[in-house]
Amino acid sequence: MLLNRKKLIAYLAVLVFVLVGTLMPSHLSFTMTPSLKYRLFWLNNYSAKNSIGKGDYVMFEFSTKYINNGQSIKAIKEVVCIPGDNLNVDNKKNYYCNGHYIGTAKDTSLTGVKVDNFRYTGTVPEGSYFVMGHIKDSFDSKYYGFIQRSRIEKIAYPIL
């Protein structure tokens, strides 16, 4: 009898979780990539009324020849340079936002594949964001450039 009651409670808990999840406009996302220090995010739909600032996390879709044979993937990264900021890349592939060091690009991926680096010096254009992960091996804007506001699908809030 006790086992049946535990199963019933478990089934009801799953049912409630599914119902609540389908009724919420936002949802949870778990990321497996080690490029961020967080793994669990609460996602809110992005709309033009949302402002995006430095330190915010965004989910966007992109494609690159380096990942998944060029097919689109979704990624979550931290915004480190916003429209109006000054982005500068020196000859040593060091990136600076408003004079503050934000990272260094590599010449090859972890698998040894040569990667192209995004080169830009100037003001970040309106509607563009420079995003990065938290580790030196993160595949981020250092390689694929700015993310356009129109490609941002969700604002991600780190939980764990």
N, C-alpha and C. Protein backbone atom coordinates (compact mmCIF):
# COMPACT_ATOMS: atom_id res chain seq x y z
N MET A 1 0.82 -1.20 0.00
CA MET A 1 0.00 0.00 0.00
C MET A 1 0.87 1.27 0.00
N LEU A 2 1.96 1.25 0.80
CA LEU A 2 2.83 2.40 0.89
C LEU A 2 3.53 2.67 -0.45
N LEU A 3 3.95 1.61 -1.16
CA LEU A 3 4.60 1.75 -2.44
C LEU A 3 3.64 2.37 -3.46
N ASN A 4 2.40 1.94 -3.48
CA ASN A 4 1.41 2.50 -4.40
C ASN A 4 1.17 3.98 -4.11
N ARG A 5 1.16 4.34 -2.84
CA ARG A 5 0.94 5.73 -2.46
C ARG A 5 2.13 6.59 -2.93
N LYS A 6 3.34 6.07 -2.78
CA LYS A 6 4.53 6.80 -3.23
C LYS A 6 4.51 6.98 -4.75
N LYS A 7 4.09 5.95 -5.48
CA LYS A 7 3.99 6.05 -6.94
C LYS A 7 2.95 7.10 -7.33
N LEU A 8 1.83 7.09 -6.65
CA LEU A 8 0.78 8.05 -6.94
C LEU A 8 1.26 9.48 -6.71
N ILE A 9 1.96 9.69 -5.60
CA ILE A 9 2.48 11.03 -5.31
C ILE A 9 3.50 11.43 -6.37
N ALA A 10 4.35 10.51 -6.78
CA ALA A 10 5.35 10.80 -7.81
C ALA A 10 4.66 11.15 -9.13
N TYR A 11 3.66 10.39 -9.53
CA TYR A 11 2.93 10.67 -10.77
C TYR A 11 2.23 12.02 -10.71
N LEU A 12 1.64 12.34 -9.58
CA LEU A 12 0.96 13.62 -9.42
C LEU A 12 1.97 14.77 -9.48
N ALA A 13 3.14 14.58 -8.87
CA ALA A 13 4.17 15.62 -8.90
C ALA A 13 4.63 15.88 -10.33
N VAL A 14 4.83 14.83 -11.10
CA VAL A 14 5.23 14.98 -12.50
C VAL A 14 4.14 15.68 -13.29
N LEU A 15 2.89 15.30 -13.07
CA LEU A 15 1.76 15.92 -13.76
C LEU A 15 1.69 17.41 -13.44
N VAL A 16 1.82 17.77 -12.17
CA VAL A 16 1.79 19.17 -11.78
C VAL A 16 2.95 19.93 -12.43
N PHE A 17 4.13 19.35 -12.42
CA PHE A 17 5.30 19.99 -13.03
C PHE A 17 5.06 20.24 -14.51
N VAL A 18 4.53 19.26 -15.22
CA VAL A 18 4.26 19.40 -16.66
C VAL A 18 3.21 20.47 -16.90
N LEU A 19 2.12 20.45 -16.12
CA LEU A 19 1.07 21.45 -16.30
C LEU A 19 1.56 22.86 -16.02
N VAL A 20 2.30 23.03 -14.95
CA VAL A 20 2.83 24.34 -14.61
C VAL A 20 3.80 24.80 -15.69
N GLY A 21 4.64 23.89 -16.16
CA GLY A 21 5.61 24.23 -17.20
C GLY A 21 4.97 24.66 -18.50
N THR A 22 3.84 24.07 -18.87
CA THR A 22 3.18 24.44 -20.12
C THR A 22 2.40 25.74 -19.98
N LEU A 23 2.02 26.09 -18.78
CA LEU A 23 1.26 27.31 -18.58
C LEU A 23 2.14 28.54 -18.41
N MET A 24 3.41 28.36 -18.08
CA MET A 24 4.32 29.48 -17.87
C MET A 24 4.89 29.96 -19.20
N PRO A 25 4.97 31.29 -19.39
CA PRO A 25 5.59 31.80 -20.61
C PRO A 25 7.10 31.63 -20.61
N SER A 26 7.66 31.36 -19.47
CA SER A 26 9.09 31.16 -19.34
C SER A 26 9.35 29.72 -18.93
N HIS A 27 10.59 29.29 -19.07
CA HIS A 27 10.92 27.93 -18.66
C HIS A 27 12.38 27.83 -18.24
N LEU A 28 12.73 26.68 -17.77
CA LEU A 28 14.09 26.42 -17.32
C LEU A 28 14.91 25.82 -18.45
N SER A 29 16.20 26.12 -18.44
CA SER A 29 17.10 25.52 -19.41
C SER A 29 18.36 25.06 -18.68
N PHE A 30 18.80 23.88 -19.01
CA PHE A 30 20.03 23.32 -18.44
C PHE A 30 21.05 23.27 -19.56
N THR A 31 22.22 23.84 -19.32
CA THR A 31 23.27 23.82 -20.33
C THR A 31 24.38 22.87 -19.91
N MET A 32 24.85 22.08 -20.85
CA MET A 32 25.91 21.11 -20.59
C MET A 32 27.30 21.68 -20.87
N THR A 33 27.36 22.78 -21.60
CA THR A 33 28.65 23.32 -21.98
C THR A 33 29.41 23.86 -20.76
N PRO A 34 30.71 23.64 -20.71
CA PRO A 34 31.48 24.17 -19.58
C PRO A 34 31.85 25.65 -19.77
N SER A 35 31.37 26.29 -20.83
CA SER A 35 31.79 27.66 -21.09
C SER A 35 31.19 28.69 -20.14
N LEU A 36 30.18 28.31 -19.38
CA LEU A 36 29.59 29.21 -18.40
C LEU A 36 29.71 28.62 -17.01
N LYS A 37 29.83 29.48 -16.01
CA LYS A 37 29.95 28.98 -14.64
C LYS A 37 28.60 28.54 -14.08
N TYR A 38 27.51 28.86 -14.78
CA TYR A 38 26.18 28.44 -14.37
C TYR A 38 25.69 27.33 -15.29
N ARG A 39 24.84 26.46 -14.77
CA ARG A 39 24.29 25.36 -15.59
C ARG A 39 22.78 25.48 -15.77
N LEU A 40 22.09 26.05 -14.79
CA LEU A 40 20.63 26.12 -14.83
C LEU A 40 20.21 27.58 -14.97
N PHE A 41 19.34 27.84 -15.95
CA PHE A 41 18.87 29.19 -16.24
C PHE A 41 17.35 29.23 -16.30
N TRP A 42 16.80 30.34 -15.84
CA TRP A 42 15.38 30.64 -16.00
C TRP A 42 15.28 31.51 -17.24
N LEU A 43 14.48 31.12 -18.22
CA LEU A 43 14.40 31.84 -19.49
C LEU A 43 13.11 32.63 -19.60
N ASN A 44 13.22 33.90 -19.94
CA ASN A 44 12.07 34.75 -20.23
C ASN A 44 12.11 35.12 -21.69
N ASN A 45 10.95 35.13 -22.32
CA ASN A 45 10.89 35.54 -23.71
C ASN A 45 11.39 36.96 -23.84
N TYR A 46 12.16 37.20 -24.88
CA TYR A 46 12.71 38.52 -25.14
C TYR A 46 11.74 39.29 -26.02
N SER A 47 11.56 40.55 -25.72
CA SER A 47 10.79 41.42 -26.60
C SER A 47 11.52 42.75 -26.69
N ALA A 48 11.12 43.57 -27.64
CA ALA A 48 11.79 44.84 -27.88
C ALA A 48 11.74 45.74 -26.65
N LYS A 49 10.78 45.52 -25.77
CA LYS A 49 10.67 46.37 -24.57
C LYS A 49 11.75 46.04 -23.53
N ASN A 50 12.37 44.86 -23.66
CA ASN A 50 13.44 44.49 -22.73
C ASN A 50 14.71 45.25 -23.08
N SER A 51 15.38 45.75 -22.08
CA SER A 51 16.69 46.34 -22.33
C SER A 51 17.72 45.29 -21.96
N ILE A 52 18.80 45.26 -22.70
CA ILE A 52 19.86 44.29 -22.46
C ILE A 52 21.10 45.07 -22.05
N GLY A 53 21.69 44.69 -20.94
CA GLY A 53 22.86 45.39 -20.45
C GLY A 53 24.03 44.45 -20.23
N LYS A 54 25.15 45.02 -19.90
CA LYS A 54 26.33 44.22 -19.59
C LYS A 54 26.02 43.34 -18.39
N GLY A 55 26.49 42.11 -18.46
CA GLY A 55 26.26 41.16 -17.39
C GLY A 55 24.99 40.34 -17.55
N ASP A 56 24.13 40.74 -18.49
CA ASP A 56 22.94 39.94 -18.76
C ASP A 56 23.33 38.70 -19.56
N TYR A 57 22.52 37.67 -19.44
CA TYR A 57 22.72 36.45 -20.23
C TYR A 57 21.60 36.38 -21.25
N VAL A 58 21.95 36.00 -22.47
CA VAL A 58 20.96 35.92 -23.54
C VAL A 58 21.06 34.57 -24.24
N MET A 59 19.90 34.10 -24.71
CA MET A 59 19.87 32.90 -25.54
C MET A 59 19.60 33.35 -26.97
N PHE A 60 20.37 32.81 -27.90
CA PHE A 60 20.24 33.18 -29.30
C PHE A 60 20.54 31.96 -30.16
N GLU A 61 20.17 32.05 -31.41
CA GLU A 61 20.44 30.97 -32.36
C GLU A 61 21.48 31.47 -33.35
N PHE A 62 22.44 30.61 -33.67
CA PHE A 62 23.45 30.96 -34.67
C PHE A 62 23.96 29.70 -35.34
N SER A 63 24.66 29.90 -36.42
CA SER A 63 25.29 28.76 -37.10
C SER A 63 26.73 29.15 -37.46
N THR A 64 27.57 28.16 -37.48
CA THR A 64 28.97 28.36 -37.83
C THR A 64 29.52 27.07 -38.42
N LYS A 65 30.50 27.21 -39.27
CA LYS A 65 31.10 26.04 -39.90
C LYS A 65 31.85 25.18 -38.88
N TYR A 66 32.16 25.74 -37.72
CA TYR A 66 32.96 25.03 -36.72
C TYR A 66 32.14 24.07 -35.84
N ILE A 67 30.85 24.28 -35.76
CA ILE A 67 30.01 23.49 -34.85
C ILE A 67 28.84 22.88 -35.62
N ASN A 68 28.59 21.60 -35.39
CA ASN A 68 27.39 20.93 -35.90
C ASN A 68 27.26 21.04 -37.42
N ASN A 69 28.38 21.02 -38.13
CA ASN A 69 28.38 21.07 -39.60
C ASN A 69 27.62 22.27 -40.16
N GLY A 70 27.66 23.39 -39.46
CA GLY A 70 27.03 24.61 -39.95
C GLY A 70 25.54 24.71 -39.67
N GLN A 71 24.97 23.71 -39.00
CA GLN A 71 23.55 23.79 -38.68
C GLN A 71 23.34 24.69 -37.47
N SER A 72 22.17 25.30 -37.40
CA SER A 72 21.87 26.24 -36.31
C SER A 72 21.85 25.54 -34.95
N ILE A 73 22.36 26.25 -33.96
CA ILE A 73 22.29 25.79 -32.58
C ILE A 73 21.87 26.98 -31.71
N LYS A 74 21.41 26.68 -30.52
CA LYS A 74 21.08 27.73 -29.55
C LYS A 74 22.20 27.79 -28.53
N ALA A 75 22.50 29.00 -28.10
CA ALA A 75 23.56 29.19 -27.13
C ALA A 75 23.13 30.23 -26.10
N ILE A 76 23.69 30.13 -24.92
CA ILE A 76 23.51 31.15 -23.88
C ILE A 76 24.90 31.68 -23.57
N LYS A 77 25.03 33.00 -23.62
CA LYS A 77 26.30 33.66 -23.32
C LYS A 77 26.02 34.94 -22.54
N GLU A 78 27.08 35.46 -21.91
CA GLU A 78 26.98 36.70 -21.16
C GLU A 78 27.30 37.89 -22.06
N VAL A 79 26.51 38.94 -21.96
CA VAL A 79 26.75 40.17 -22.71
C VAL A 79 27.87 40.94 -22.02
N VAL A 80 28.95 41.23 -22.76
CA VAL A 80 30.10 41.93 -22.16
C VAL A 80 30.36 43.30 -22.79
N CYS A 81 29.77 43.58 -23.92
CA CYS A 81 29.96 44.87 -24.58
C CYS A 81 28.66 45.20 -25.32
N ILE A 82 28.12 46.40 -25.10
CA ILE A 82 26.79 46.76 -25.63
C ILE A 82 26.89 47.92 -26.62
N PRO A 83 25.80 48.21 -27.34
CA PRO A 83 25.82 49.32 -28.29
C PRO A 83 26.31 50.62 -27.63
N GLY A 84 27.20 51.30 -28.33
CA GLY A 84 27.77 52.54 -27.82
C GLY A 84 29.10 52.35 -27.11
N ASP A 85 29.39 51.12 -26.67
CA ASP A 85 30.68 50.83 -26.04
C ASP A 85 31.77 50.80 -27.11
N ASN A 86 33.01 50.96 -26.69
CA ASN A 86 34.14 50.89 -27.59
C ASN A 86 34.78 49.50 -27.48
N LEU A 87 34.76 48.73 -28.56
CA LEU A 87 35.39 47.41 -28.61
C LEU A 87 36.70 47.54 -29.38
N ASN A 88 37.76 46.98 -28.82
CA ASN A 88 39.08 47.06 -29.44
C ASN A 88 39.75 45.70 -29.37
N VAL A 89 40.35 45.29 -30.50
CA VAL A 89 41.12 44.06 -30.56
C VAL A 89 42.54 44.43 -30.96
N ASP A 90 43.52 44.03 -30.15
CA ASP A 90 44.90 44.36 -30.49
C ASP A 90 45.52 43.26 -31.35
N ASN A 91 46.78 43.44 -31.72
CA ASN A 91 47.47 42.48 -32.59
C ASN A 91 47.72 41.13 -31.93
N LYS A 92 47.62 41.07 -30.62
CA LYS A 92 47.82 39.81 -29.90
C LYS A 92 46.50 39.08 -29.65
N LYS A 93 45.43 39.54 -30.28
CA LYS A 93 44.09 38.94 -30.18
C LYS A 93 43.47 39.11 -28.79
N ASN A 94 43.86 40.20 -28.11
CA ASN A 94 43.24 40.55 -26.83
C ASN A 94 42.07 41.48 -27.11
N TYR A 95 40.96 41.25 -26.41
CA TYR A 95 39.75 42.04 -26.60
C TYR A 95 39.53 42.94 -25.39
N TYR A 96 39.14 44.20 -25.69
CA TYR A 96 38.91 45.20 -24.65
C TYR A 96 37.56 45.88 -24.92
N CYS A 97 36.80 46.09 -23.87
CA CYS A 97 35.56 46.87 -23.96
C CYS A 97 35.74 48.10 -23.09
N ASN A 98 35.68 49.26 -23.72
CA ASN A 98 35.91 50.53 -23.02
C ASN A 98 37.23 50.51 -22.25
N GLY A 99 38.26 49.88 -22.85
CA GLY A 99 39.59 49.85 -22.25
C GLY A 99 39.81 48.74 -21.23
N HIS A 100 38.76 47.99 -20.87
CA HIS A 100 38.89 46.90 -19.89
C HIS A 100 39.06 45.57 -20.63
N TYR A 101 40.09 44.83 -20.26
CA TYR A 101 40.35 43.52 -20.86
C TYR A 101 39.18 42.57 -20.62
N ILE A 102 38.69 41.92 -21.70
CA ILE A 102 37.58 40.96 -21.54
C ILE A 102 37.94 39.56 -22.02
N GLY A 103 39.03 39.38 -22.75
CA GLY A 103 39.40 38.04 -23.17
C GLY A 103 40.41 38.03 -24.30
N THR A 104 40.89 36.83 -24.61
CA THR A 104 41.86 36.62 -25.68
C THR A 104 41.38 35.50 -26.58
N ALA A 105 41.47 35.70 -27.87
CA ALA A 105 41.08 34.67 -28.84
C ALA A 105 42.24 33.70 -29.05
N LYS A 106 41.89 32.48 -29.41
CA LYS A 106 42.88 31.45 -29.72
C LYS A 106 42.96 31.26 -31.23
N ASP A 107 44.01 30.61 -31.68
CA ASP A 107 44.15 30.32 -33.11
C ASP A 107 43.54 28.99 -33.50
N THR A 108 43.45 28.07 -32.53
CA THR A 108 42.90 26.74 -32.81
C THR A 108 41.89 26.35 -31.73
N SER A 109 40.97 25.49 -32.11
CA SER A 109 39.98 24.98 -31.17
C SER A 109 40.61 23.90 -30.30
N LEU A 110 39.84 23.38 -29.35
CA LEU A 110 40.33 22.30 -28.49
C LEU A 110 40.70 21.06 -29.29
N THR A 111 40.06 20.90 -30.46
CA THR A 111 40.34 19.73 -31.30
C THR A 111 41.46 19.98 -32.30
N GLY A 112 42.06 21.18 -32.25
CA GLY A 112 43.17 21.48 -33.13
C GLY A 112 42.79 22.12 -34.45
N VAL A 113 41.50 22.41 -34.65
CA VAL A 113 41.04 23.03 -35.89
C VAL A 113 41.35 24.53 -35.84
N LYS A 114 41.93 25.07 -36.92
CA LYS A 114 42.21 26.50 -36.99
C LYS A 114 40.88 27.26 -37.01
N VAL A 115 40.79 28.30 -36.19
CA VAL A 115 39.57 29.12 -36.13
C VAL A 115 39.90 30.56 -36.51
N ASP A 116 38.94 31.20 -37.14
CA ASP A 116 39.07 32.62 -37.48
C ASP A 116 38.68 33.45 -36.27
N ASN A 117 39.34 34.58 -36.11
CA ASN A 117 39.03 35.49 -35.01
C ASN A 117 38.30 36.71 -35.55
N PHE A 118 37.36 37.19 -34.77
CA PHE A 118 36.62 38.40 -35.11
C PHE A 118 37.51 39.61 -34.83
N ARG A 119 37.70 40.43 -35.84
CA ARG A 119 38.54 41.62 -35.72
C ARG A 119 37.65 42.85 -35.82
N TYR A 120 37.75 43.73 -34.84
CA TYR A 120 36.93 44.93 -34.85
C TYR A 120 37.53 45.94 -33.89
N THR A 121 37.58 47.18 -34.31
CA THR A 121 37.96 48.26 -33.44
C THR A 121 37.02 49.41 -33.74
N GLY A 122 36.29 49.84 -32.71
CA GLY A 122 35.36 50.93 -32.89
C GLY A 122 34.17 50.81 -31.95
N THR A 123 33.16 51.61 -32.22
CA THR A 123 31.95 51.62 -31.40
C THR A 123 31.06 50.45 -31.77
N VAL A 124 30.55 49.76 -30.77
CA VAL A 124 29.62 48.66 -31.02
C VAL A 124 28.36 49.25 -31.64
N PRO A 125 27.96 48.77 -32.82
CA PRO A 125 26.80 49.34 -33.51
C PRO A 125 25.49 49.13 -32.73
N GLU A 126 24.55 50.02 -32.98
CA GLU A 126 23.22 49.90 -32.38
C GLU A 126 22.62 48.54 -32.75
N GLY A 127 22.02 47.89 -31.77
CA GLY A 127 21.38 46.59 -32.01
C GLY A 127 22.34 45.42 -32.04
N SER A 128 23.60 45.65 -31.66
CA SER A 128 24.61 44.59 -31.68
C SER A 128 25.17 44.38 -30.28
N TYR A 129 25.53 43.12 -29.98
CA TYR A 129 26.06 42.78 -28.67
C TYR A 129 27.25 41.85 -28.82
N PHE A 130 28.26 42.06 -28.00
CA PHE A 130 29.42 41.19 -27.97
C PHE A 130 29.24 40.29 -26.75
N VAL A 131 29.19 38.98 -26.97
CA VAL A 131 28.89 38.02 -25.91
C VAL A 131 30.04 37.06 -25.71
N MET A 132 30.20 36.60 -24.46
CA MET A 132 31.30 35.68 -24.17
C MET A 132 30.90 34.67 -23.12
N GLY A 133 31.63 33.56 -23.10
CA GLY A 133 31.53 32.57 -22.04
C GLY A 133 32.54 32.92 -20.96
N HIS A 134 32.62 32.07 -19.94
CA HIS A 134 33.47 32.36 -18.79
C HIS A 134 34.82 31.66 -18.81
N ILE A 135 35.08 30.82 -19.80
CA ILE A 135 36.36 30.13 -19.85
C ILE A 135 37.11 30.51 -21.13
N LYS A 136 38.41 30.33 -21.12
CA LYS A 136 39.22 30.73 -22.27
C LYS A 136 38.88 29.95 -23.54
N ASP A 137 38.33 28.75 -23.40
CA ASP A 137 38.00 27.92 -24.56
C ASP A 137 36.57 28.12 -25.06
N SER A 138 35.85 29.08 -24.51
CA SER A 138 34.48 29.33 -24.93
C SER A 138 34.43 29.77 -26.39
N PHE A 139 33.51 29.19 -27.15
CA PHE A 139 33.29 29.62 -28.53
C PHE A 139 32.24 30.71 -28.47
N ASP A 140 32.67 31.95 -28.69
CA ASP A 140 31.79 33.10 -28.46
C ASP A 140 32.08 34.19 -29.48
N SER A 141 31.70 35.42 -29.17
CA SER A 141 31.84 36.53 -30.11
C SER A 141 33.28 36.78 -30.57
N LYS A 142 34.26 36.28 -29.84
CA LYS A 142 35.64 36.42 -30.29
C LYS A 142 35.84 35.73 -31.64
N TYR A 143 34.96 34.81 -31.97
CA TYR A 143 35.08 34.03 -33.21
C TYR A 143 33.96 34.31 -34.20
N TYR A 144 32.74 34.56 -33.74
CA TYR A 144 31.65 34.78 -34.68
C TYR A 144 31.12 36.21 -34.69
N GLY A 145 31.69 37.08 -33.91
CA GLY A 145 31.33 38.49 -33.97
C GLY A 145 30.10 38.86 -33.16
N PHE A 146 29.51 39.98 -33.53
CA PHE A 146 28.37 40.51 -32.79
C PHE A 146 27.13 39.63 -32.96
N ILE A 147 26.31 39.63 -31.93
CA ILE A 147 24.98 39.02 -32.00
C ILE A 147 23.99 40.17 -32.18
N GLN A 148 23.16 40.05 -33.17
CA GLN A 148 22.16 41.09 -33.44
C GLN A 148 20.96 40.93 -32.50
N ARG A 149 20.40 42.05 -32.07
CA ARG A 149 19.24 42.04 -31.19
C ARG A 149 18.12 41.16 -31.76
N SER A 150 17.95 41.16 -33.06
CA SER A 150 16.88 40.37 -33.69
C SER A 150 17.07 38.87 -33.52
N ARG A 151 18.29 38.42 -33.22
CA ARG A 151 18.57 37.00 -33.04
C ARG A 151 18.41 36.54 -31.59
N ILE A 152 18.25 37.49 -30.68
CA ILE A 152 18.09 37.13 -29.28
C ILE A 152 16.66 36.66 -29.05
N GLU A 153 16.54 35.45 -28.52
CA GLU A 153 15.23 34.85 -28.31
C GLU A 153 14.76 34.97 -26.87
N LYS A 154 15.69 34.87 -25.92
CA LYS A 154 15.31 34.86 -24.51
C LYS A 154 16.38 35.55 -23.68
N ILE A 155 15.93 36.08 -22.56
CA ILE A 155 16.84 36.57 -21.53
C ILE A 155 17.00 35.41 -20.54
N ALA A 156 18.22 35.08 -20.20
CA ALA A 156 18.49 33.94 -19.31
C ALA A 156 18.98 34.44 -17.95
N TYR A 157 18.32 33.96 -16.92
CA TYR A 157 18.69 34.35 -15.55
C TYR A 157 19.32 33.13 -14.87
N PRO A 158 20.60 33.24 -14.47
CA PRO A 158 21.26 32.08 -13.85
C PRO A 158 20.65 31.73 -12.51
N ILE A 159 20.48 30.42 -12.28
CA ILE A 159 19.96 29.91 -11.02
C ILE A 159 21.05 29.17 -10.26
N LEU A 160 21.67 28.21 -10.93
CA LEU A 160 22.74 27.41 -10.33
C LEU A 160 23.90 27.30 -11.30
